[in-house]
Amino acid sequence: MGPAGPEGVGSWDVFEMTVRSGDWFWDMDREVYYYDFEEPAISRFIAEDGLVQVSMRFGDVYYPLPDVRNFYDDGYITETVSYEYAARWIRFNVSANDLFDNLPLNYQPETFTFKVTLLW
């Protein structure tokens, strides 16, 4: 093992973002619900050289994304929640296994609160 590197000064920012159930948009090509936020805190430096980590909050518990859940609602549904980002924006995605033929059928994502952690 080589010598220790110079002392670094790390920085972080943590904040929440909420997408309400009726605010999700449907992407017919990707067969996914999504919501975009403009987020100036995600600088080009953070997007390329830092880290953007997202968890979704249920009560007092946080689940890191991507998250895959199975539940029953007139049939078994597998729901996947994920995210993507670049400088100055972040997108949250929700897909479910009952979204066939480019139609959302009877499924609507619920309200989600996300905890976004930026590290640089």
N, C-alpha and C. Protein backbone atom coordinates (compact mmCIF):
# COMPACT_ATOMS: atom_id res chain seq x y z
N MET A 1 0.85 -1.17 0.00
CA MET A 1 0.00 0.00 0.00
C MET A 1 0.89 1.23 0.00
N GLY A 2 0.54 2.21 -0.79
CA GLY A 2 1.33 3.43 -0.92
C GLY A 2 1.07 4.41 0.21
N PRO A 3 1.75 5.55 0.14
CA PRO A 3 1.56 6.56 1.19
C PRO A 3 0.16 7.17 1.12
N ALA A 4 -0.27 7.70 2.25
CA ALA A 4 -1.58 8.34 2.31
C ALA A 4 -1.60 9.57 1.42
N GLY A 5 -2.73 9.81 0.80
CA GLY A 5 -2.90 10.99 -0.03
C GLY A 5 -3.16 12.22 0.82
N PRO A 6 -3.26 13.38 0.17
CA PRO A 6 -3.50 14.62 0.92
C PRO A 6 -4.88 14.60 1.58
N GLU A 7 -4.98 15.34 2.68
CA GLU A 7 -6.27 15.49 3.35
C GLU A 7 -7.27 16.10 2.37
N GLY A 8 -8.42 15.50 2.27
CA GLY A 8 -9.45 16.03 1.39
C GLY A 8 -10.53 16.71 2.20
N VAL A 9 -11.23 17.57 1.55
CA VAL A 9 -12.37 18.21 2.18
C VAL A 9 -13.59 17.81 1.36
N GLY A 10 -14.40 16.95 1.92
CA GLY A 10 -15.60 16.51 1.22
C GLY A 10 -16.77 17.41 1.57
N SER A 11 -17.68 17.51 0.67
CA SER A 11 -18.88 18.30 0.91
C SER A 11 -20.08 17.47 0.51
N TRP A 12 -21.23 17.83 1.06
CA TRP A 12 -22.46 17.13 0.75
C TRP A 12 -23.64 18.07 0.91
N ASP A 13 -24.74 17.64 0.32
CA ASP A 13 -26.01 18.34 0.45
C ASP A 13 -27.08 17.26 0.44
N VAL A 14 -28.08 17.39 1.28
CA VAL A 14 -29.19 16.43 1.36
C VAL A 14 -30.49 17.22 1.35
N PHE A 15 -31.42 16.81 0.49
CA PHE A 15 -32.72 17.47 0.43
C PHE A 15 -33.76 16.48 -0.07
N GLU A 16 -35.03 16.81 0.16
CA GLU A 16 -36.12 15.95 -0.29
C GLU A 16 -36.84 16.57 -1.48
N MET A 17 -37.39 15.69 -2.32
CA MET A 17 -38.22 16.08 -3.46
C MET A 17 -39.44 15.17 -3.44
N THR A 18 -40.62 15.73 -3.67
CA THR A 18 -41.85 14.94 -3.66
C THR A 18 -42.53 15.04 -5.01
N VAL A 19 -42.98 13.89 -5.50
CA VAL A 19 -43.80 13.84 -6.72
C VAL A 19 -45.17 13.31 -6.30
N ARG A 20 -46.19 14.11 -6.49
CA ARG A 20 -47.56 13.73 -6.13
C ARG A 20 -48.13 12.73 -7.15
N SER A 21 -49.05 11.94 -6.71
CA SER A 21 -49.61 10.87 -7.54
C SER A 21 -50.09 11.38 -8.89
N GLY A 22 -50.80 12.47 -8.94
CA GLY A 22 -51.35 12.97 -10.20
C GLY A 22 -50.38 13.74 -11.06
N ASP A 23 -49.13 13.92 -10.59
CA ASP A 23 -48.16 14.73 -11.33
C ASP A 23 -47.24 13.94 -12.24
N TRP A 24 -47.28 12.61 -12.18
CA TRP A 24 -46.42 11.79 -13.04
C TRP A 24 -46.83 11.93 -14.50
N PHE A 25 -45.85 11.92 -15.40
CA PHE A 25 -46.10 11.94 -16.85
C PHE A 25 -45.87 10.54 -17.40
N TRP A 26 -46.63 10.20 -18.43
CA TRP A 26 -46.51 8.89 -19.07
C TRP A 26 -45.66 9.00 -20.32
N ASP A 27 -44.61 8.19 -20.43
CA ASP A 27 -43.76 8.12 -21.62
C ASP A 27 -44.14 6.86 -22.39
N MET A 28 -44.86 7.04 -23.48
CA MET A 28 -45.35 5.91 -24.25
C MET A 28 -44.22 5.08 -24.86
N ASP A 29 -43.14 5.73 -25.28
CA ASP A 29 -42.04 5.00 -25.91
C ASP A 29 -41.30 4.10 -24.92
N ARG A 30 -41.08 4.60 -23.71
CA ARG A 30 -40.35 3.82 -22.71
C ARG A 30 -41.27 3.02 -21.80
N GLU A 31 -42.59 3.24 -21.93
CA GLU A 31 -43.59 2.59 -21.08
C GLU A 31 -43.25 2.76 -19.60
N VAL A 32 -43.10 4.03 -19.21
CA VAL A 32 -42.72 4.35 -17.85
C VAL A 32 -43.34 5.69 -17.47
N TYR A 33 -43.70 5.82 -16.21
CA TYR A 33 -44.06 7.13 -15.68
C TYR A 33 -42.79 7.83 -15.26
N TYR A 34 -42.74 9.16 -15.40
CA TYR A 34 -41.54 9.90 -15.02
C TYR A 34 -41.93 11.29 -14.53
N TYR A 35 -41.00 11.90 -13.82
CA TYR A 35 -41.15 13.30 -13.43
C TYR A 35 -39.76 13.92 -13.39
N ASP A 36 -39.60 15.06 -14.04
CA ASP A 36 -38.31 15.77 -14.09
C ASP A 36 -38.33 16.97 -13.15
N PHE A 37 -37.23 17.16 -12.46
CA PHE A 37 -37.02 18.36 -11.67
C PHE A 37 -35.80 19.08 -12.22
N GLU A 38 -35.88 20.38 -12.39
CA GLU A 38 -34.67 21.17 -12.60
C GLU A 38 -34.03 21.30 -11.23
N GLU A 39 -32.75 21.00 -11.14
CA GLU A 39 -32.08 21.06 -9.83
C GLU A 39 -30.69 21.66 -9.99
N PRO A 40 -30.57 22.98 -9.77
CA PRO A 40 -29.28 23.64 -9.94
C PRO A 40 -28.20 23.15 -8.97
N ALA A 41 -28.60 22.50 -7.87
CA ALA A 41 -27.59 21.99 -6.94
C ALA A 41 -26.76 20.87 -7.55
N ILE A 42 -27.30 20.21 -8.60
CA ILE A 42 -26.52 19.17 -9.29
C ILE A 42 -25.68 19.88 -10.35
N SER A 43 -24.50 20.28 -9.95
CA SER A 43 -23.60 20.98 -10.87
C SER A 43 -22.98 19.98 -11.85
N ARG A 44 -22.33 20.51 -12.86
CA ARG A 44 -21.63 19.66 -13.81
C ARG A 44 -20.54 18.85 -13.08
N PHE A 45 -19.86 19.50 -12.13
CA PHE A 45 -18.82 18.82 -11.36
C PHE A 45 -19.41 17.64 -10.57
N ILE A 46 -20.53 17.86 -9.90
CA ILE A 46 -21.14 16.77 -9.13
C ILE A 46 -21.62 15.67 -10.08
N ALA A 47 -22.26 16.03 -11.17
CA ALA A 47 -22.77 15.03 -12.11
C ALA A 47 -21.65 14.17 -12.69
N GLU A 48 -20.49 14.77 -12.96
CA GLU A 48 -19.41 14.04 -13.62
C GLU A 48 -18.39 13.45 -12.64
N ASP A 49 -18.12 14.14 -11.53
CA ASP A 49 -17.05 13.70 -10.64
C ASP A 49 -17.51 13.42 -9.21
N GLY A 50 -18.76 13.73 -8.91
CA GLY A 50 -19.29 13.49 -7.57
C GLY A 50 -20.24 12.31 -7.59
N LEU A 51 -21.20 12.36 -6.70
CA LEU A 51 -22.16 11.27 -6.59
C LEU A 51 -23.53 11.83 -6.26
N VAL A 52 -24.54 11.32 -6.95
CA VAL A 52 -25.93 11.63 -6.64
C VAL A 52 -26.57 10.31 -6.24
N GLN A 53 -26.99 10.21 -4.98
CA GLN A 53 -27.62 9.00 -4.46
C GLN A 53 -29.04 9.35 -4.04
N VAL A 54 -30.00 8.49 -4.36
CA VAL A 54 -31.40 8.77 -4.05
C VAL A 54 -32.01 7.58 -3.32
N SER A 55 -32.79 7.90 -2.30
CA SER A 55 -33.61 6.92 -1.58
C SER A 55 -35.04 7.44 -1.57
N MET A 56 -36.00 6.52 -1.46
CA MET A 56 -37.38 6.96 -1.30
C MET A 56 -37.78 6.70 0.14
N ARG A 57 -38.61 7.60 0.65
CA ARG A 57 -38.99 7.54 2.06
C ARG A 57 -40.40 6.99 2.21
N PHE A 58 -40.54 6.00 3.08
CA PHE A 58 -41.84 5.49 3.51
C PHE A 58 -41.86 5.59 5.02
N GLY A 59 -42.59 6.57 5.55
CA GLY A 59 -42.58 6.79 6.99
C GLY A 59 -41.20 7.23 7.43
N ASP A 60 -40.62 6.50 8.35
CA ASP A 60 -39.28 6.80 8.85
C ASP A 60 -38.20 5.93 8.23
N VAL A 61 -38.54 5.18 7.19
CA VAL A 61 -37.60 4.24 6.57
C VAL A 61 -37.25 4.72 5.17
N TYR A 62 -35.97 4.61 4.81
CA TYR A 62 -35.48 5.00 3.48
C TYR A 62 -35.06 3.75 2.72
N TYR A 63 -35.45 3.68 1.44
CA TYR A 63 -35.11 2.56 0.57
C TYR A 63 -34.28 3.10 -0.59
N PRO A 64 -33.02 2.66 -0.74
CA PRO A 64 -32.19 3.18 -1.83
C PRO A 64 -32.73 2.74 -3.20
N LEU A 65 -32.59 3.63 -4.17
CA LEU A 65 -33.01 3.33 -5.54
C LEU A 65 -31.85 2.73 -6.31
N PRO A 66 -32.14 1.83 -7.27
CA PRO A 66 -33.47 1.43 -7.69
C PRO A 66 -34.11 0.51 -6.65
N ASP A 67 -35.43 0.57 -6.60
CA ASP A 67 -36.19 -0.25 -5.66
C ASP A 67 -37.24 -1.03 -6.44
N VAL A 68 -37.34 -2.32 -6.16
CA VAL A 68 -38.33 -3.17 -6.81
C VAL A 68 -39.27 -3.70 -5.74
N ARG A 69 -40.57 -3.47 -5.92
CA ARG A 69 -41.59 -3.89 -4.94
C ARG A 69 -42.63 -4.77 -5.63
N ASN A 70 -43.12 -5.71 -4.88
CA ASN A 70 -44.22 -6.56 -5.34
C ASN A 70 -45.41 -6.32 -4.43
N PHE A 71 -46.58 -6.11 -5.01
CA PHE A 71 -47.79 -5.94 -4.20
C PHE A 71 -48.99 -6.43 -5.00
N TYR A 72 -50.10 -6.54 -4.31
CA TYR A 72 -51.32 -7.04 -4.93
C TYR A 72 -52.34 -5.92 -5.03
N ASP A 73 -52.86 -5.69 -6.23
CA ASP A 73 -53.91 -4.71 -6.48
C ASP A 73 -54.73 -5.23 -7.66
N ASP A 74 -55.72 -6.07 -7.40
CA ASP A 74 -56.47 -6.77 -8.45
C ASP A 74 -55.54 -7.58 -9.33
N GLY A 75 -54.50 -8.09 -8.79
CA GLY A 75 -53.47 -8.86 -9.48
C GLY A 75 -52.12 -8.46 -8.94
N TYR A 76 -51.16 -9.32 -9.13
CA TYR A 76 -49.82 -9.01 -8.63
C TYR A 76 -49.12 -8.00 -9.53
N ILE A 77 -48.50 -7.02 -8.92
CA ILE A 77 -47.80 -5.97 -9.65
C ILE A 77 -46.38 -5.89 -9.12
N THR A 78 -45.43 -5.81 -10.03
CA THR A 78 -44.05 -5.52 -9.67
C THR A 78 -43.76 -4.11 -10.13
N GLU A 79 -43.39 -3.27 -9.19
CA GLU A 79 -43.14 -1.85 -9.45
C GLU A 79 -41.65 -1.57 -9.26
N THR A 80 -41.06 -0.88 -10.21
CA THR A 80 -39.65 -0.50 -10.13
C THR A 80 -39.55 1.02 -10.13
N VAL A 81 -38.84 1.56 -9.14
CA VAL A 81 -38.62 3.00 -9.02
C VAL A 81 -37.13 3.25 -9.21
N SER A 82 -36.80 4.15 -10.12
CA SER A 82 -35.39 4.42 -10.42
C SER A 82 -35.21 5.92 -10.68
N TYR A 83 -33.97 6.31 -10.96
CA TYR A 83 -33.70 7.72 -11.26
C TYR A 83 -32.54 7.82 -12.24
N GLU A 84 -32.45 8.98 -12.85
CA GLU A 84 -31.34 9.32 -13.73
C GLU A 84 -31.10 10.82 -13.58
N TYR A 85 -29.90 11.26 -13.90
CA TYR A 85 -29.59 12.67 -13.69
C TYR A 85 -28.46 13.11 -14.62
N ALA A 86 -28.37 14.41 -14.75
CA ALA A 86 -27.26 15.08 -15.43
C ALA A 86 -27.15 16.44 -14.75
N ALA A 87 -26.23 17.25 -15.22
CA ALA A 87 -26.06 18.56 -14.62
C ALA A 87 -27.38 19.34 -14.67
N ARG A 88 -27.83 19.81 -13.52
CA ARG A 88 -28.97 20.71 -13.34
C ARG A 88 -30.34 20.05 -13.45
N TRP A 89 -30.43 18.71 -13.53
CA TRP A 89 -31.75 18.06 -13.54
C TRP A 89 -31.65 16.64 -13.00
N ILE A 90 -32.82 16.16 -12.54
CA ILE A 90 -32.95 14.78 -12.09
C ILE A 90 -34.32 14.28 -12.52
N ARG A 91 -34.39 13.03 -12.91
CA ARG A 91 -35.64 12.41 -13.35
C ARG A 91 -35.89 11.17 -12.50
N PHE A 92 -37.14 11.06 -12.04
CA PHE A 92 -37.57 9.87 -11.32
C PHE A 92 -38.47 9.06 -12.24
N ASN A 93 -38.29 7.74 -12.25
CA ASN A 93 -39.04 6.84 -13.11
C ASN A 93 -39.78 5.80 -12.28
N VAL A 94 -41.00 5.48 -12.69
CA VAL A 94 -41.76 4.39 -12.06
C VAL A 94 -42.32 3.53 -13.18
N SER A 95 -42.01 2.25 -13.13
CA SER A 95 -42.59 1.32 -14.11
C SER A 95 -43.23 0.17 -13.35
N ALA A 96 -44.18 -0.47 -13.99
CA ALA A 96 -44.87 -1.61 -13.38
C ALA A 96 -45.10 -2.66 -14.44
N ASN A 97 -45.15 -3.91 -14.01
CA ASN A 97 -45.27 -5.01 -14.97
C ASN A 97 -46.63 -5.08 -15.65
N ASP A 98 -47.62 -4.30 -15.21
CA ASP A 98 -48.93 -4.35 -15.87
C ASP A 98 -49.10 -3.25 -16.92
N LEU A 99 -48.02 -2.59 -17.31
CA LEU A 99 -48.09 -1.52 -18.31
C LEU A 99 -47.74 -2.10 -19.68
N PHE A 100 -48.72 -2.67 -20.36
CA PHE A 100 -48.50 -3.34 -21.63
C PHE A 100 -49.06 -2.52 -22.78
N ASP A 101 -48.55 -2.76 -23.95
CA ASP A 101 -49.04 -2.16 -25.19
C ASP A 101 -49.08 -0.64 -25.12
N ASN A 102 -48.08 -0.03 -24.50
CA ASN A 102 -47.97 1.43 -24.41
C ASN A 102 -49.19 2.08 -23.77
N LEU A 103 -49.87 1.38 -22.88
CA LEU A 103 -51.02 1.95 -22.18
C LEU A 103 -50.84 1.77 -20.67
N PRO A 104 -51.09 2.82 -19.88
CA PRO A 104 -50.94 2.66 -18.43
C PRO A 104 -52.06 1.88 -17.77
N LEU A 105 -53.11 1.49 -18.52
CA LEU A 105 -54.23 0.71 -17.99
C LEU A 105 -54.76 1.30 -16.69
N ASN A 106 -54.83 0.51 -15.63
CA ASN A 106 -55.44 1.00 -14.40
C ASN A 106 -54.42 1.36 -13.33
N TYR A 107 -53.20 1.55 -13.69
CA TYR A 107 -52.13 1.81 -12.73
C TYR A 107 -51.78 3.30 -12.71
N GLN A 108 -51.61 3.86 -11.54
CA GLN A 108 -51.13 5.23 -11.38
C GLN A 108 -50.14 5.22 -10.22
N PRO A 109 -48.90 5.70 -10.42
CA PRO A 109 -47.96 5.73 -9.31
C PRO A 109 -48.48 6.58 -8.15
N GLU A 110 -48.13 6.17 -6.96
CA GLU A 110 -48.53 6.92 -5.78
C GLU A 110 -47.64 8.14 -5.59
N THR A 111 -47.89 8.88 -4.53
CA THR A 111 -47.01 9.99 -4.18
C THR A 111 -45.73 9.43 -3.56
N PHE A 112 -44.60 9.88 -4.06
CA PHE A 112 -43.30 9.44 -3.54
C PHE A 112 -42.52 10.65 -3.04
N THR A 113 -41.86 10.48 -1.92
CA THR A 113 -40.91 11.47 -1.42
C THR A 113 -39.53 10.86 -1.51
N PHE A 114 -38.62 11.57 -2.17
CA PHE A 114 -37.26 11.09 -2.40
C PHE A 114 -36.28 11.91 -1.59
N LYS A 115 -35.30 11.25 -1.01
CA LYS A 115 -34.18 11.93 -0.34
C LYS A 115 -33.00 11.88 -1.29
N VAL A 116 -32.55 13.06 -1.71
CA VAL A 116 -31.43 13.19 -2.65
C VAL A 116 -30.19 13.59 -1.87
N THR A 117 -29.12 12.81 -2.03
CA THR A 117 -27.86 13.12 -1.38
C THR A 117 -26.81 13.40 -2.45
N LEU A 118 -26.20 14.58 -2.37
CA LEU A 118 -25.13 14.98 -3.29
C LEU A 118 -23.82 14.92 -2.53
N LEU A 119 -22.82 14.28 -3.10
CA LEU A 119 -21.49 14.20 -2.52
C LEU A 119 -20.47 14.69 -3.53
N TRP A 120 -19.53 15.49 -3.05
CA TRP A 120 -18.45 15.97 -3.93
C TRP A 120 -17.22 16.28 -3.13
